[in-house]
């Protein structure tokens, strides 16, 4: 008797892992046709325009077909993998022989969708990806059925609750230790322990992970270990022009193609999303940029004092922290700037909260995660949030939720030695502040020319809802706080 293919083969479709995104790129498959998978097991890693995310399969069975190759950009809703949920049944006669991986251009989603009433479907469990919903039953961990077979990529099998927490930008609960589990940093037994972003970095720099002595917890190789290995072996470091191309390209993008005197880099992932957002912002919102040069000598002294303060012990204290706090004070005094333009409704949306975005340059491209409800945070709390935001972005662990809902952004071009710039608004926001380099310069102070710490600030704003008078007040208040940081107390 021939098995019913409509109930035997279950299709797993590309979910919307970023709330409204239309496509994602498959970075890495952790399984191959013939591998046994269990409900909740991670089968692949994908990259959207916002973050790299691991996808768990919601079925038990045997992998029947991978529809797309690594490096392929797939539309949300397209079938990416099919699973034989009744592997003991006789296989139906195939219409045509199918290879282990379908061609990238093959039409996806051609199979019969799974029927919720299908008796072969898992009972009491809903898919746990963003956009799919989650049930209480799905948050329970299922034990693995034995160890992986040789040649099978051993992927992490995190609990559904941990996956959902990561999607929402929350801390994931620590799983109970189990000897049969393989850490998510080790895709196959015997291979060096390293997280996917670290493996990507090692590939880009031409470093063999097997030659690195790990310094991370539980023997995990860190980014610092990879960079240290490149410093010890200069011959393994790519040429500067090649390295620049790699950094400019998003993670998982196809390798740059060199032809004669030019190199072509596919525009994908973060770079593609950033380009579209900047073009849309530049040609939708009428930008105005104002500048002010300010003496921040007292602010720099306060930074040094805070570093020695026991209440700030262990926290990252730098000028950006006080600039962020000063901007929050300026917004509190001029709340109309914390708004958005709703084109469809023809309304100005005033926001009574501040989700403070911090532009971060990462190997994946420019990301702008934001600190939720920054206006309610004390200085130590703001320091903690800034530190976590920066370290998470550098490690490639920024979640889609962390980059949604921003209201105002800071971009610190001063870290590159740049005096200032004319930043483009983050879409949906009304203002963005560029902070220039802080330099020792001659300055008239109390009637005499003295060497003072000076910086230049640039505030770009949407002239549809922020007129010159409001923008000028915000910039003037910000400069006043940085010149006399005691106003952090008197104006707060």
Protein backbone atom coordinates (compact mmCIF):
# COMPACT_ATOMS: atom_id res chain seq x y z
CA UNK A 1 0.00 0.00 0.00
CA UNK A 2 1.31 3.44 -0.87
CA UNK A 3 1.59 6.03 1.91
CA UNK A 4 -0.51 9.20 1.64
CA UNK A 5 1.98 11.98 0.86
CA UNK A 6 -0.40 14.64 2.19
CA UNK A 7 -0.06 13.22 5.70
CA UNK A 8 3.37 11.63 5.51
CA UNK A 9 5.46 14.64 4.44
CA UNK A 10 5.26 17.80 6.50
CA UNK A 11 6.46 21.10 5.04
CA UNK A 12 8.30 23.65 7.17
CA UNK A 13 7.99 27.14 5.72
CA UNK A 14 10.21 30.16 6.19
CA UNK A 15 8.62 32.07 9.10
CA UNK A 16 8.54 35.81 9.62
CA UNK A 17 11.27 35.99 12.27
CA UNK A 18 11.35 39.78 12.36
CA UNK A 19 7.74 41.00 12.49
CA UNK A 20 7.00 42.13 8.97
CA UNK A 21 10.14 41.04 7.11
CA UNK A 22 9.55 39.53 3.68
CA UNK A 23 12.67 37.41 3.17
CA UNK A 24 15.61 35.76 4.89
CA UNK A 25 18.88 34.19 3.76
CA UNK A 26 19.80 30.63 4.69
CA UNK A 27 23.23 30.84 6.29
CA UNK A 28 23.78 27.27 7.43
CA UNK A 29 22.00 23.93 7.33
CA UNK A 30 22.55 21.79 10.41
CA UNK A 31 20.84 18.72 8.91
CA UNK A 32 20.91 16.82 5.62
CA UNK A 33 18.40 14.50 3.89
CA UNK A 34 18.18 11.24 5.80
CA UNK A 35 18.94 12.79 9.20
CA UNK A 36 16.53 12.12 12.05
CA UNK A 37 15.11 15.27 13.65
CA UNK A 38 13.05 15.80 16.77
CA UNK A 39 10.45 18.36 17.69
CA UNK A 40 12.26 21.58 18.67
CA UNK A 41 15.64 20.70 17.10
CA UNK A 42 17.44 23.55 15.33
CA UNK A 43 17.77 22.68 11.64
CA UNK A 44 19.22 25.86 10.13
CA UNK A 45 20.43 29.38 10.77
CA UNK A 46 18.96 32.24 8.72
CA UNK A 47 19.79 35.92 8.46
CA UNK A 48 17.16 38.59 8.02
CA UNK A 49 17.70 42.28 7.51
CA UNK A 50 17.86 42.59 11.29
CA UNK A 51 19.49 39.56 12.86
CA UNK A 52 20.77 36.01 12.51
CA UNK A 53 18.29 33.50 13.95
CA UNK A 54 18.28 29.73 14.44
CA UNK A 55 15.09 27.93 13.36
CA UNK A 56 13.76 24.85 15.20
CA UNK A 57 11.68 22.23 13.37
CA UNK A 58 8.23 21.57 14.89
CA UNK A 59 8.08 17.89 13.84
CA UNK A 60 9.57 14.50 14.63
CA UNK A 61 10.75 12.50 11.63
CA UNK A 62 13.42 12.10 8.96
CA UNK A 63 14.58 14.93 6.71
CA UNK A 64 13.24 14.24 3.24
CA UNK A 65 14.37 17.28 1.24
CA UNK A 66 16.13 20.62 1.64
CA UNK A 67 14.56 23.01 -0.83
CA UNK A 68 17.28 25.66 -0.89
CA UNK A 69 21.05 25.78 -0.70
CA UNK A 70 23.07 27.80 1.80
CA UNK A 71 23.42 31.42 0.74
CA UNK A 72 19.99 31.52 -0.93
CA UNK A 73 17.55 34.32 -0.08
CA UNK A 74 14.08 32.86 0.47
CA UNK A 75 10.71 34.60 0.68
CA UNK A 76 8.75 34.30 3.91
CA UNK A 77 6.17 31.54 3.51
CA UNK A 78 8.22 29.43 1.09
CA UNK A 79 8.82 25.79 2.04
CA UNK A 80 12.47 25.32 3.01
CA UNK A 81 12.49 21.71 4.26
CA UNK A 82 10.21 18.69 4.16
CA UNK A 83 10.15 16.02 6.86
CA UNK A 84 8.96 12.44 6.58
CA UNK A 85 6.89 12.03 9.75
CA UNK A 86 6.10 8.39 8.98
CA UNK A 87 9.49 7.00 7.94
CA UNK A 88 8.43 3.40 8.48
CA UNK A 89 5.79 3.54 5.74
CA UNK A 90 6.52 2.53 2.14
CA UNK A 91 7.66 5.47 0.05
CA UNK A 92 5.34 6.57 -2.78
CA UNK A 93 6.52 6.31 -6.35
CA UNK A 94 8.29 9.61 -7.11
CA UNK A 95 7.29 11.57 -10.20
CA UNK A 96 10.94 12.46 -10.79
CA UNK A 97 14.21 11.88 -8.98
CA UNK A 98 14.99 14.61 -6.47
CA UNK A 99 18.49 15.57 -5.46
CA UNK A 100 19.58 16.17 -1.89
CA UNK A 101 19.15 19.93 -2.30
CA UNK A 102 16.75 21.51 -4.79
CA UNK A 103 18.11 24.18 -7.10
CA UNK A 104 17.99 27.69 -5.70
CA UNK A 105 15.56 28.81 -8.38
CA UNK A 106 13.10 25.91 -7.79
CA UNK A 107 9.61 27.05 -6.92
CA UNK A 108 8.95 26.57 -3.24
CA UNK A 109 5.73 25.80 -1.43
CA UNK A 110 4.42 23.48 -4.16
CA UNK A 111 3.61 20.67 -1.75
CA UNK A 112 0.39 20.13 0.12
CA UNK A 113 0.27 22.12 3.34
CA UNK A 114 -0.05 20.21 6.56
CA UNK A 115 -3.54 19.68 7.80
CA UNK A 116 -4.02 20.72 11.44
CA UNK A 117 -6.39 17.79 11.84
CA UNK A 118 -3.76 15.37 10.52
CA UNK A 119 -3.37 12.45 12.98
CA UNK A 120 0.36 12.43 12.23
CA UNK A 121 0.72 16.00 13.38
CA UNK A 122 2.23 16.55 16.86
CA UNK A 123 -0.47 16.96 19.49
CA UNK A 124 -0.62 19.93 21.86
CA UNK A 125 2.26 21.84 20.26
CA UNK A 126 2.30 24.99 18.19
CA UNK A 127 5.29 26.30 16.23
CA UNK A 128 7.39 28.56 18.40
CA UNK A 129 8.69 31.09 15.87
CA UNK A 130 7.81 34.76 15.75
CA UNK A 131 4.62 35.20 13.77
CA UNK A 132 3.47 31.65 14.53
CA UNK A 133 2.35 31.95 18.15
CA UNK A 134 3.26 29.68 21.04
CA UNK A 135 1.32 27.47 23.40
CA UNK A 136 2.08 26.66 26.99
CA UNK A 137 2.88 23.07 26.03
CA UNK A 138 5.54 24.23 23.59
CA UNK A 139 7.68 25.65 26.35
CA UNK A 140 8.53 22.20 27.73
CA UNK A 141 11.80 20.57 26.68
CA UNK A 142 11.64 17.17 25.04
CA UNK A 143 14.50 14.76 25.69
CA UNK A 144 16.66 13.79 22.72
CA UNK A 145 16.31 10.27 21.42
CA UNK A 146 19.89 9.12 21.46
CA UNK A 147 23.07 10.70 20.22
CA UNK A 148 23.58 12.02 16.67
CA UNK A 149 24.65 9.52 14.03
CA UNK A 150 28.13 10.00 12.47
CA UNK A 151 28.10 12.59 9.69
CA UNK A 152 24.99 14.29 10.99
CA UNK A 153 25.47 17.94 11.91
CA UNK A 154 24.79 18.08 15.63
CA UNK A 155 22.82 21.28 16.17
CA UNK A 156 21.65 22.80 19.42
CA UNK A 157 18.26 21.70 20.63
CA UNK A 158 17.23 24.69 22.80
CA UNK A 159 13.93 24.71 24.57
CA UNK A 160 11.09 26.49 22.80
CA UNK A 161 10.93 28.99 25.65
CA UNK A 162 14.56 29.94 25.09
CA UNK A 163 13.97 30.49 21.36
CA UNK A 164 10.90 32.64 22.00
CA UNK A 165 12.76 34.67 24.65
CA UNK A 166 15.62 35.33 22.26
CA UNK A 167 13.20 36.48 19.54
CA UNK A 168 11.69 38.96 22.03
CA UNK A 169 15.07 40.32 23.08
CA UNK A 170 14.81 38.78 26.55
CA UNK A 171 17.26 36.68 28.52
CA UNK A 172 16.79 33.00 27.76
CA UNK A 173 16.28 30.60 30.70
CA UNK A 174 19.25 28.33 31.31
CA UNK A 175 18.51 24.72 30.27
CA UNK A 176 19.03 21.90 32.71
CA UNK A 177 22.31 20.05 32.04
CA UNK A 178 21.96 16.77 30.20
CA UNK A 179 24.87 14.53 29.11
CA UNK A 180 23.20 13.65 25.80
CA UNK A 181 22.91 17.26 24.66
CA UNK A 182 25.48 18.75 22.32
CA UNK A 183 26.18 22.47 22.96
CA UNK A 184 24.82 24.81 20.29
CA UNK A 185 28.34 26.06 19.67
CA UNK A 186 29.50 22.63 18.46
CA UNK A 187 27.84 21.60 15.18
CA UNK A 188 29.49 18.17 15.14
CA UNK A 189 31.32 16.00 17.69
CA UNK A 190 35.06 16.59 17.80
CA UNK A 191 34.94 20.03 16.24
CA UNK A 192 36.12 23.17 18.09
CA UNK A 193 33.49 24.95 20.19
CA UNK A 194 32.53 28.33 18.69
CA UNK A 195 29.34 30.28 18.08
CA UNK A 196 28.19 30.89 14.47
CA UNK A 197 29.34 34.56 14.34
CA UNK A 198 32.79 33.50 15.56
CA UNK A 199 32.96 30.74 12.94
CA UNK A 200 32.02 33.29 10.28
CA UNK A 201 34.77 35.64 11.47
CA UNK A 202 37.32 32.82 11.39
CA UNK A 203 36.31 31.89 7.84
CA UNK A 204 36.58 35.51 6.70
CA UNK A 205 40.06 35.88 8.20
CA UNK A 206 41.26 32.49 7.01
CA UNK A 207 41.83 31.11 10.51
CA UNK A 208 41.54 27.39 11.30
CA UNK A 209 39.55 27.07 14.53
CA UNK A 210 41.30 23.79 15.28
CA UNK A 211 44.58 25.68 15.76
CA UNK A 212 43.18 28.10 18.35
CA UNK A 213 43.45 27.67 22.11
CA UNK A 214 40.04 28.73 23.50
CA UNK A 215 39.78 31.13 26.44
CA UNK A 216 36.00 31.30 26.75
CA UNK A 217 33.90 29.46 29.32
CA UNK A 218 33.65 25.67 28.82
CA UNK A 219 36.35 25.81 26.15
CA UNK A 220 34.44 28.06 23.73
CA UNK A 221 36.48 30.02 21.18
CA UNK A 222 35.76 33.77 21.33
CA UNK A 223 36.20 36.61 18.85
CA UNK A 224 39.23 37.74 20.83
CA UNK A 225 40.79 34.29 20.35
CA UNK A 226 40.32 34.56 16.57
CA UNK A 227 41.81 38.06 16.43
CA UNK A 228 44.73 36.93 18.60
CA UNK A 229 45.38 34.05 16.19
CA UNK A 230 45.50 36.43 13.22
CA UNK A 231 47.95 38.67 15.09
CA UNK A 232 50.24 35.69 15.72
CA UNK A 233 50.09 34.60 12.07
CA UNK A 234 50.27 37.72 9.88
CA UNK A 235 50.53 35.65 6.72
CA UNK A 236 47.01 34.35 7.31
CA UNK A 237 45.48 37.84 7.35
CA UNK A 238 43.81 38.85 4.07
CA UNK A 239 45.01 41.85 2.10
CA UNK A 240 43.51 45.14 3.33
CA UNK A 241 41.27 45.53 0.28
CA UNK A 242 39.96 41.98 0.70
CA UNK A 243 39.32 42.46 4.42
CA UNK A 244 37.48 45.72 3.75
CA UNK A 245 35.24 43.93 1.28
CA UNK A 246 34.51 41.16 3.77
CA UNK A 247 33.60 43.61 6.54
CA UNK A 248 31.39 45.58 4.17
CA UNK A 249 29.53 42.45 3.10
CA UNK A 250 26.81 41.07 5.40
CA UNK A 251 27.35 37.77 7.16
CA UNK A 252 26.48 34.79 5.00
CA UNK A 253 26.73 36.78 1.75
CA UNK A 254 28.28 35.15 -1.28
CA UNK A 255 32.02 35.64 -1.54
CA UNK A 256 33.15 38.81 -3.37
CA UNK A 257 33.74 38.13 -7.05
CA UNK A 258 36.96 39.67 -8.38
CA UNK A 259 37.16 40.42 -12.09
CA UNK A 260 40.19 42.34 -13.32
CA UNK A 261 40.36 45.69 -11.58
CA UNK A 262 36.98 45.48 -9.83
CA UNK A 263 35.43 43.41 -7.05
CA UNK A 264 31.67 42.87 -6.92
CA UNK A 265 29.98 42.15 -3.60
CA UNK A 266 26.36 40.89 -3.55
CA UNK A 267 24.07 43.28 -1.68
CA UNK A 268 22.25 41.18 0.91
CA UNK A 269 21.09 41.08 4.49
CA UNK A 270 21.88 44.07 6.68
CA UNK A 271 23.58 46.04 3.90
CA UNK A 272 20.55 45.67 1.63
CA UNK A 273 18.12 46.65 4.38
CA UNK A 274 20.27 49.61 5.45
CA UNK A 275 20.50 50.91 1.89
CA UNK A 276 16.75 50.70 1.37
CA UNK A 277 16.03 52.36 4.72
CA UNK A 278 18.47 55.22 4.11
CA UNK A 279 17.16 55.92 0.61
CA UNK A 280 13.59 55.85 1.88
CA UNK A 281 14.42 58.14 4.80
CA UNK A 282 16.50 60.60 2.78
CA UNK A 283 13.83 61.02 0.09
CA UNK A 284 10.79 60.94 2.38
CA UNK A 285 11.68 63.07 5.40
CA UNK A 286 13.01 66.58 4.68
CA UNK A 287 16.25 66.59 6.67
CA UNK A 288 17.65 69.63 8.43
CA UNK A 289 20.97 69.43 10.29
CA UNK A 290 22.20 71.96 12.86
CA UNK A 291 25.61 72.09 14.50
CA UNK A 292 27.07 73.35 17.74
CA UNK A 293 30.64 73.27 19.06
CA UNK A 294 30.84 72.96 22.83
CA UNK A 295 33.43 72.94 25.61
CA UNK A 296 33.03 69.57 27.34
CA UNK A 297 35.99 69.87 29.73
CA UNK A 298 33.77 69.61 32.80
CA UNK A 299 31.95 66.61 31.35
CA UNK A 300 35.28 64.84 30.76
CA UNK A 301 36.26 65.54 34.37
CA UNK A 302 32.94 64.08 35.52
CA UNK A 303 33.63 60.95 33.46
CA UNK A 304 36.90 60.44 35.35
CA UNK A 305 35.19 61.04 38.70
CA UNK A 306 32.43 58.55 37.91
CA UNK A 307 34.99 55.89 36.98
CA UNK A 308 36.31 56.14 40.54
CA UNK A 309 32.83 56.23 42.12
CA UNK A 310 31.97 53.04 44.00
CA UNK A 311 28.36 53.24 42.77
CA UNK A 312 29.64 52.92 39.20
CA UNK A 313 32.17 50.17 39.94
CA UNK A 314 32.29 47.56 37.20
CA UNK A 315 30.26 49.69 34.80
CA UNK A 316 31.41 51.10 31.49
CA UNK A 317 31.70 54.86 31.99
CA UNK A 318 32.61 56.95 28.94
CA UNK A 319 31.61 60.25 27.31
CA UNK A 320 28.84 58.54 25.30
CA UNK A 321 27.09 57.65 28.56
CA UNK A 322 26.87 61.30 29.61
CA UNK A 323 25.93 62.42 26.09
CA UNK A 324 23.06 59.93 26.17
CA UNK A 325 21.92 61.19 29.57
CA UNK A 326 22.20 64.80 28.42
CA UNK A 327 20.09 64.04 25.34
CA UNK A 328 17.42 62.44 27.52
CA UNK A 329 17.35 65.61 29.66
CA UNK A 330 17.02 67.77 26.53
CA UNK A 331 14.15 65.59 25.28
CA UNK A 332 12.42 65.87 28.65
CA UNK A 333 12.59 69.67 28.35
CA UNK A 334 11.43 69.56 24.71
CA UNK A 335 9.18 66.49 24.41
CA UNK A 336 7.76 67.51 21.03
CA UNK A 337 10.94 66.30 19.32
CA UNK A 338 10.28 62.74 20.45
CA UNK A 339 7.67 62.06 17.78
CA UNK A 340 6.97 60.39 14.45
CA UNK A 341 5.19 61.34 11.25
CA UNK A 342 2.28 59.05 10.30
CA UNK A 343 1.88 59.61 6.56
CA UNK A 344 -1.14 57.33 6.17
CA UNK A 345 -3.13 58.97 8.96
CA UNK A 346 -1.64 62.42 8.38
CA UNK A 347 -0.88 62.69 12.09
CA UNK A 348 2.08 63.56 14.28
CA UNK A 349 2.52 60.85 16.90
CA UNK A 350 3.98 62.22 20.14
CA UNK A 351 5.71 59.47 22.13
CA UNK A 352 5.76 59.62 25.91
CA UNK A 353 8.67 57.21 26.16
CA UNK A 354 12.19 57.26 24.77
CA UNK A 355 13.67 54.15 23.15
CA UNK A 356 17.19 55.44 22.64
CA UNK A 357 18.90 53.98 19.56
CA UNK A 358 22.68 53.61 19.40
CA UNK A 359 24.16 53.13 15.93
CA UNK A 360 26.66 50.27 16.04
CA UNK A 361 29.12 49.25 13.32
CA UNK A 362 29.39 45.44 13.32
CA UNK A 363 30.84 42.80 10.97
CA UNK A 364 27.29 42.29 9.69
CA UNK A 365 26.89 45.98 8.86
CA UNK A 366 25.29 48.96 10.57
CA UNK A 367 22.79 48.03 13.28
CA UNK A 368 20.73 50.39 15.43
CA UNK A 369 19.50 48.54 18.53
CA UNK A 370 17.77 50.69 21.12
CA UNK A 371 17.53 50.94 24.89
CA UNK A 372 13.89 50.48 25.82
CA UNK A 373 12.41 53.16 28.10
CA UNK A 374 15.76 54.90 28.47
CA UNK A 375 14.02 57.93 29.97
CA UNK A 376 13.21 55.94 33.12
CA UNK A 377 16.75 54.71 33.76
CA UNK A 378 19.19 56.04 36.32
CA UNK A 379 22.77 56.72 35.24
CA UNK A 380 24.02 53.32 36.49
CA UNK A 381 21.10 51.57 34.78
CA UNK A 382 21.80 53.45 31.56
CA UNK A 383 25.48 52.42 31.78
CA UNK A 384 24.49 48.75 32.15
CA UNK A 385 22.09 48.97 29.20
CA UNK A 386 24.69 50.67 26.99
CA UNK A 387 27.33 48.09 27.87
CA UNK A 388 25.00 45.19 27.10
CA UNK A 389 23.86 46.77 23.85
CA UNK A 390 27.42 47.28 22.58
CA UNK A 391 28.73 43.85 23.58
CA UNK A 392 25.68 42.09 22.14
CA UNK A 393 26.05 43.93 18.82
CA UNK A 394 29.77 43.12 18.57
CA UNK A 395 29.09 39.43 19.21
CA UNK A 396 26.41 39.34 16.52
CA UNK A 397 23.65 38.47 19.00
CA UNK A 398 21.40 41.50 18.48
CA UNK A 399 17.78 40.33 18.16
CA UNK A 400 15.10 41.79 15.86
CA UNK A 401 13.15 43.00 18.90
CA UNK A 402 16.14 45.05 20.06
CA UNK A 403 16.06 47.05 16.82
CA UNK A 404 12.36 47.81 16.74
CA UNK A 405 10.48 50.75 18.21
CA UNK A 406 13.31 53.29 18.42
CA UNK A 407 12.35 56.96 18.84
CA UNK A 408 15.66 58.91 18.78
CA UNK A 409 19.16 57.76 17.82
CA UNK A 410 22.79 58.64 18.65
CA UNK A 411 25.63 57.91 16.25
CA UNK A 412 29.12 58.34 17.70
CA UNK A 413 31.33 59.21 14.72
CA UNK A 414 33.92 60.62 17.12
CA UNK A 415 35.31 57.14 17.79
CA UNK A 416 36.74 57.27 14.26
CA UNK A 417 38.37 60.66 14.85
CA UNK A 418 35.70 62.48 12.82
CA UNK A 419 34.68 65.97 13.89
CA UNK A 420 31.02 65.63 12.92
CA UNK A 421 28.65 64.62 10.13
CA UNK A 422 25.13 65.03 8.76
CA UNK A 423 23.41 61.80 9.85
CA UNK A 424 20.33 60.43 8.09
CA UNK A 425 17.31 59.72 10.23
CA UNK A 426 16.53 56.18 11.25
CA UNK A 427 13.16 55.45 9.54
CA UNK A 428 10.21 56.25 11.78
CA UNK A 429 12.18 58.62 14.02
CA UNK A 430 12.27 62.40 14.10
CA UNK A 431 15.85 63.11 15.23
CA UNK A 432 19.36 61.69 15.24
CA UNK A 433 22.42 63.09 17.01
CA UNK A 434 25.97 62.75 15.69
CA UNK A 435 28.71 63.11 18.32
CA UNK A 436 32.10 64.20 17.02
CA UNK A 437 35.59 63.54 18.34
CA UNK A 438 36.54 65.23 21.62
CA UNK A 439 39.83 67.06 21.09
CA UNK A 440 42.07 69.41 23.05
CA UNK A 441 41.67 72.80 21.33
CA UNK A 442 42.33 76.48 22.08
CA UNK A 443 39.17 77.96 23.60
CA UNK A 444 38.26 81.28 25.18
CA UNK A 445 37.51 80.43 28.80
CA UNK A 446 36.87 83.18 31.38
CA UNK A 447 38.33 85.78 29.05
CA UNK A 448 41.55 83.88 28.32
CA UNK A 449 42.59 81.46 25.59
CA UNK A 450 43.15 78.06 27.16
CA UNK A 451 43.43 74.45 26.06
CA UNK A 452 39.99 72.88 26.56
CA UNK A 453 38.26 69.63 25.61
CA UNK A 454 35.95 70.51 22.71
CA UNK A 455 33.54 68.58 20.50
CA UNK A 456 31.02 69.31 17.76
CA UNK A 457 27.47 67.99 17.85
CA UNK A 458 25.18 67.66 14.82
CA UNK A 459 21.43 67.17 15.15
CA UNK A 460 19.42 66.09 12.10
CA UNK A 461 15.65 66.25 12.35
CA UNK A 462 12.51 65.78 10.26
CA UNK A 463 11.41 69.27 9.24
CA UNK A 464 7.82 68.10 8.72
CA UNK A 465 7.26 67.94 12.46
CA UNK A 466 10.32 69.64 13.95
CA UNK A 467 10.83 73.25 13.01
CA UNK A 468 14.10 75.13 13.35
CA UNK A 469 13.16 76.71 16.67
CA UNK A 470 12.44 73.35 18.35
CA UNK A 471 15.52 71.68 16.88
CA UNK A 472 17.69 74.60 18.01
CA UNK A 473 16.30 74.45 21.56
CA UNK A 474 17.07 70.75 21.84
CA UNK A 475 20.62 71.19 20.56
CA UNK A 476 21.22 74.22 22.79
CA UNK A 477 19.95 72.38 25.88
CA UNK A 478 22.13 69.40 25.07
CA UNK A 479 25.20 71.62 24.70
CA UNK A 480 24.39 73.44 27.93
CA UNK A 481 24.24 70.18 29.89
CA UNK A 482 27.55 68.96 28.47
CA UNK A 483 29.20 72.30 29.21
CA UNK A 484 27.82 72.38 32.78
CA UNK A 485 27.02 68.73 33.68
CA UNK A 486 25.57 69.81 37.04
CA UNK A 487 22.47 70.57 34.99
CA UNK A 488 21.93 66.81 34.86
CA UNK A 489 20.71 67.32 38.42
CA UNK A 490 19.07 70.74 38.24
CA UNK A 491 17.22 70.07 34.97
CA UNK A 492 16.40 66.39 35.45
